Every structure is written in structure tokens, then in C-alpha cells.
């Protein structure tokens, strides 16, 4: 599934950037050698970041 149509970023690209340590949408764009254009994807990226944080929180318990 595409998360960012402007840059052609797929969900797996965004998740890989998050796994590599990105903690903000700007860091995800940088990790994917791209830049925010229309920014419609930023909400989806934030949701994915929140899901990752939540998963780590439960794993730590």
C-alpha cells in the first residue's frame, strides 16, 4: 500500500525507516531520500509511529 503518493513511498518503506530509528515524519522522509510535498501522508505516518510506540510499550511489559 502506498503511504505517500507524491514520493512513491510504500508502507514497507515507512516501516523500515521507523525500524531504523525515525521518530518523526521528517525523519522518515529523510531516511527515504524524499521530502514532504502535499503532506497528506503525514497523518498516516504519525499513526504508524504511534502504533510502533504502542507495540514497543507492550513488548516492554
Protein backbone atom coordinates (compact mmCIF):
# COMPACT_ATOMS: atom_id res chain seq x y z
CA UNK A 1 0.00 0.00 0.00
CA UNK A 2 1.25 3.49 -0.81
CA UNK A 3 1.51 5.85 2.13
CA UNK A 4 2.90 8.78 0.13
CA UNK A 5 1.77 9.02 -3.46
CA UNK A 6 3.89 12.11 -4.18
CA UNK A 7 7.13 10.28 -3.39
CA UNK A 8 6.00 6.72 -4.09
CA UNK A 9 6.64 5.62 -0.51
CA UNK A 10 5.07 2.33 0.40
CA UNK A 11 4.10 1.15 3.84
CA UNK A 12 7.13 -1.14 3.96
CA UNK A 13 9.43 1.85 3.25
CA UNK A 14 7.90 3.86 6.08
CA UNK A 15 8.03 0.91 8.50
CA UNK A 16 11.68 0.28 7.57
CA UNK A 17 12.51 3.92 8.33
CA UNK A 18 10.72 3.65 11.67
CA UNK A 19 12.57 0.43 12.49
CA UNK A 20 15.83 2.21 11.64
CA UNK A 21 15.06 4.87 14.26
CA UNK A 22 12.90 7.53 12.61
CA UNK A 23 10.59 9.06 15.19
CA UNK A 24 9.02 11.90 13.19
CA UNK A 25 7.63 12.20 9.66
CA UNK A 26 10.52 14.50 8.68
CA UNK A 27 12.97 11.76 9.65
CA UNK A 28 11.00 9.21 7.63
CA UNK A 29 11.23 11.44 4.55
CA UNK A 30 14.96 11.92 5.10
CA UNK A 31 15.54 8.17 5.51
CA UNK A 32 13.67 7.57 2.24
CA UNK A 33 15.60 10.32 0.39
CA UNK A 34 12.43 12.30 -0.22
CA UNK A 35 10.64 15.39 1.03
CA UNK A 36 7.12 16.29 2.05
CA UNK A 37 5.15 17.75 -0.82
CA UNK A 38 1.39 17.81 -0.27
CA UNK A 39 1.77 16.38 3.30
CA UNK A 40 -1.41 14.29 3.11
CA UNK A 41 0.64 11.29 4.20
CA UNK A 42 1.91 12.89 7.41
CA UNK A 43 -1.17 11.82 9.40
CA UNK A 44 -0.73 8.23 8.24
CA UNK A 45 2.96 8.35 9.15
CA UNK A 46 2.13 9.68 12.62
CA UNK A 47 -0.39 6.89 13.07
CA UNK A 48 2.26 4.33 12.10
CA UNK A 49 4.74 5.91 14.53
CA UNK A 50 2.13 5.75 17.31
CA UNK A 51 1.42 2.09 16.52
CA UNK A 52 5.14 1.32 16.71
CA UNK A 53 5.49 3.11 20.06
CA UNK A 54 2.47 1.26 21.40
CA UNK A 55 3.87 -2.09 20.29
CA UNK A 56 7.19 -1.32 21.98
CA UNK A 57 5.39 -0.30 25.16
CA UNK A 58 3.53 -3.61 25.31
CA UNK A 59 6.68 -5.56 24.49
CA UNK A 60 8.46 -3.91 27.41
CA UNK A 61 5.81 -5.03 29.90
